[in-house]
Every structure is written in C-alpha cells, then in structure tokens.
Amino acid sequence: MSALFYHNDEQKALALEAKARQEVDRQGKLFRGKIFTEILPAGRFYRAEDYHQKYLLQKTPELRQEYSAIYPNFTDFVNSTAAARVNGYVGGYGTLAALEAELDRLGLSSRGREKLQKIVQRFGR
C-alpha cells in the first residue's frame, strides 16, 4: 500500500493538491490515471525491519557497497537523505535531469554515479 501521512490541515491540503495535479495534465485531461496513494492522518510510527530499509538500494550491490563505506553504521545508512534519494532513483522515481542536478550531493564515486545514471536512463525519464 502506498500512503502519505500528514500532521496538520496544511499538509493534508498540499498533499491532496499535489495528488490532483499528478492525475491530470495542463488541459485538464487524465494524465497518469488515478493515483491510489492514500492520504491519511499521521499516527504512531513503527520503523520497518532492517531488510525493508532502503530496500531497492540494498538490492543494487554496487551502490549499496558505496553507502556501506560511507555509513558503516546501519542506522546512519537508514537515516541518510542521500541514500533515500538514491533508493528513489533506483526505484524509477525522478528524472535524469533531476539526478544530474543533485548528483554531486549524493556522495557517490564516479563509478557509482555512472551506475546510477544508467539505472535512471533505463526508465527513460
């Protein structure tokens, strides 16, 4: 299940607006189709098991090795914004242009950068 959790009315309104924008194009026609992500009030948070953390990044050995060197402590890896961003790109979220704009801030070697760029290119975005 895909879900977005909000903490206040402003966050809820912003989430609903963003969801609606993604469903239609500029001419008001259905663009990507219905988005089934639930928008729900935040409640108590339970962290998933370690094998779920940055799951797609963990399944990409070359990139995972680089982040293991940067973050030898698994908790630091889980809390890393850079690792979260890369996990999203590995999952097909984000464009090549967006990746290239932030690539210098992700902490990857030249080899890791090339690997991530190839992954994103496969999605054709």
Protein backbone atom coordinates (compact mmCIF):
# COMPACT_ATOMS: atom_id res chain seq x y z
CA MET A 1 0.00 0.00 0.00
CA SER A 2 1.24 3.45 -0.83
CA ALA A 3 0.40 6.13 1.71
CA LEU A 4 1.27 9.71 2.55
CA PHE A 5 0.75 10.80 6.15
CA TYR A 6 0.02 14.38 7.18
CA HIS A 7 0.40 16.10 10.55
CA ASN A 8 -1.87 19.11 10.05
CA ASP A 9 -4.52 20.57 7.76
CA GLU A 10 -1.98 22.47 5.68
CA GLN A 11 -0.03 19.29 4.89
CA LYS A 12 -3.26 17.49 4.05
CA ALA A 13 -4.34 20.23 1.64
CA LEU A 14 -0.91 20.31 -0.04
CA ALA A 15 -0.91 16.52 -0.44
CA LEU A 16 -4.39 16.49 -1.96
CA GLU A 17 -3.46 19.29 -4.36
CA ALA A 18 -0.26 17.54 -5.45
CA LYS A 19 -2.11 14.27 -5.99
CA ALA A 20 -4.74 16.01 -8.12
CA ARG A 21 -2.05 17.77 -10.19
CA GLN A 22 -0.32 14.46 -10.93
CA GLU A 23 -3.55 12.87 -12.15
CA VAL A 24 -4.30 15.45 -14.85
CA ASP A 25 -2.33 17.30 -17.49
CA ARG A 26 -2.41 21.03 -18.24
CA GLN A 27 -5.52 20.69 -20.41
CA GLY A 28 -7.39 19.00 -17.58
CA LYS A 29 -7.25 15.55 -19.16
CA LEU A 30 -6.44 12.42 -17.25
CA PHE A 31 -2.66 12.21 -17.41
CA ARG A 32 -1.25 9.37 -15.38
CA GLY A 33 -4.54 7.88 -14.33
CA LYS A 34 -5.92 7.59 -10.86
CA ILE A 35 -3.33 7.69 -8.14
CA PHE A 36 -4.19 5.21 -5.42
CA THR A 37 -1.86 6.63 -2.75
CA GLU A 38 -3.86 7.08 0.44
CA ILE A 39 -3.57 10.43 2.24
CA LEU A 40 -4.04 9.73 5.92
CA PRO A 41 -3.51 11.41 9.27
CA ALA A 42 -0.18 10.52 10.88
CA GLY A 43 -0.38 8.21 13.85
CA ARG A 44 2.14 6.24 15.80
CA PHE A 45 5.15 5.36 13.66
CA TYR A 46 6.75 1.93 13.64
CA ARG A 47 10.05 1.50 11.85
CA ALA A 48 10.15 -1.42 9.44
CA GLU A 49 12.64 -4.26 9.81
CA ASP A 50 16.16 -3.61 8.54
CA TYR A 51 15.71 -5.68 5.38
CA HIS A 52 12.93 -3.28 4.32
CA GLN A 53 15.05 -0.15 4.80
CA LYS A 54 16.21 1.43 1.52
CA TYR A 55 15.12 -1.87 0.00
CA LEU A 56 15.84 -1.12 -3.65
CA LEU A 57 19.22 0.39 -2.86
CA GLN A 58 20.12 -2.70 -0.82
CA LYS A 59 19.30 -4.80 -3.90
CA THR A 60 21.81 -2.83 -6.01
CA PRO A 61 25.16 -4.19 -4.78
CA GLU A 62 27.47 -1.63 -6.41
CA LEU A 63 25.63 1.31 -4.88
CA ARG A 64 24.99 -0.43 -1.56
CA GLN A 65 28.74 -1.07 -1.16
CA GLU A 66 29.46 2.63 -1.60
CA TYR A 67 26.96 3.61 1.05
CA SER A 68 28.25 0.88 3.38
CA ALA A 69 31.66 2.56 3.18
CA ILE A 70 30.14 5.99 3.87
CA TYR A 71 27.78 4.70 6.58
CA PRO A 72 29.31 1.66 8.31
CA ASN A 73 26.60 2.01 10.97
CA PHE A 74 23.30 0.72 9.52
CA THR A 75 21.25 3.29 11.45
CA ASP A 76 23.24 6.08 9.80
CA PHE A 77 22.54 4.46 6.43
CA VAL A 78 18.81 4.31 7.18
CA ASN A 79 18.79 7.96 8.28
CA SER A 80 20.77 9.17 5.25
CA THR A 81 18.92 11.57 2.99
CA ALA A 82 21.35 10.77 0.17
CA ALA A 83 20.62 7.04 0.47
CA ALA A 84 16.89 7.79 0.48
CA ARG A 85 17.23 9.86 -2.70
CA VAL A 86 19.25 7.13 -4.43
CA ASN A 87 16.74 4.49 -3.33
CA GLY A 88 14.03 6.52 -5.06
CA TYR A 89 16.02 6.86 -8.26
CA VAL A 90 16.76 3.12 -8.29
CA GLY A 91 13.01 2.57 -8.00
CA GLY A 92 12.27 4.67 -11.07
CA TYR A 93 11.28 7.89 -9.33
CA GLY A 94 12.88 11.03 -10.66
CA THR A 95 14.29 12.13 -13.97
CA LEU A 96 17.80 12.06 -15.35
CA ALA A 97 17.79 15.88 -15.29
CA ALA A 98 16.84 15.90 -11.60
CA LEU A 99 19.52 13.32 -10.82
CA GLU A 100 22.20 15.28 -12.63
CA ALA A 101 21.22 18.42 -10.72
CA GLU A 102 21.87 16.73 -7.38
CA LEU A 103 24.45 14.08 -8.28
CA ASP A 104 27.33 15.95 -6.61
CA ARG A 105 25.50 15.84 -3.26
CA LEU A 106 24.89 12.08 -3.19
CA GLY A 107 28.42 11.06 -2.17
CA LEU A 108 28.98 8.53 -4.93
CA SER A 109 32.25 7.73 -6.69
CA SER A 110 32.49 8.30 -10.43
CA ARG A 111 31.72 4.60 -10.94
CA GLY A 112 28.70 4.81 -8.63
CA ARG A 113 27.48 7.93 -10.40
CA GLU A 114 27.70 6.19 -13.78
CA LYS A 115 25.83 3.15 -12.45
CA LEU A 116 23.02 5.32 -11.07
CA GLN A 117 22.78 7.34 -14.28
CA LYS A 118 22.43 4.12 -16.30
CA ILE A 119 19.69 2.90 -13.97
CA VAL A 120 17.75 6.14 -14.33
CA GLN A 121 18.25 6.16 -18.13
CA ARG A 122 16.64 2.72 -18.32
CA PHE A 123 13.42 4.26 -17.01
CA GLY A 124 13.52 6.77 -19.88
CA ARG A 125 12.73 9.83 -17.82
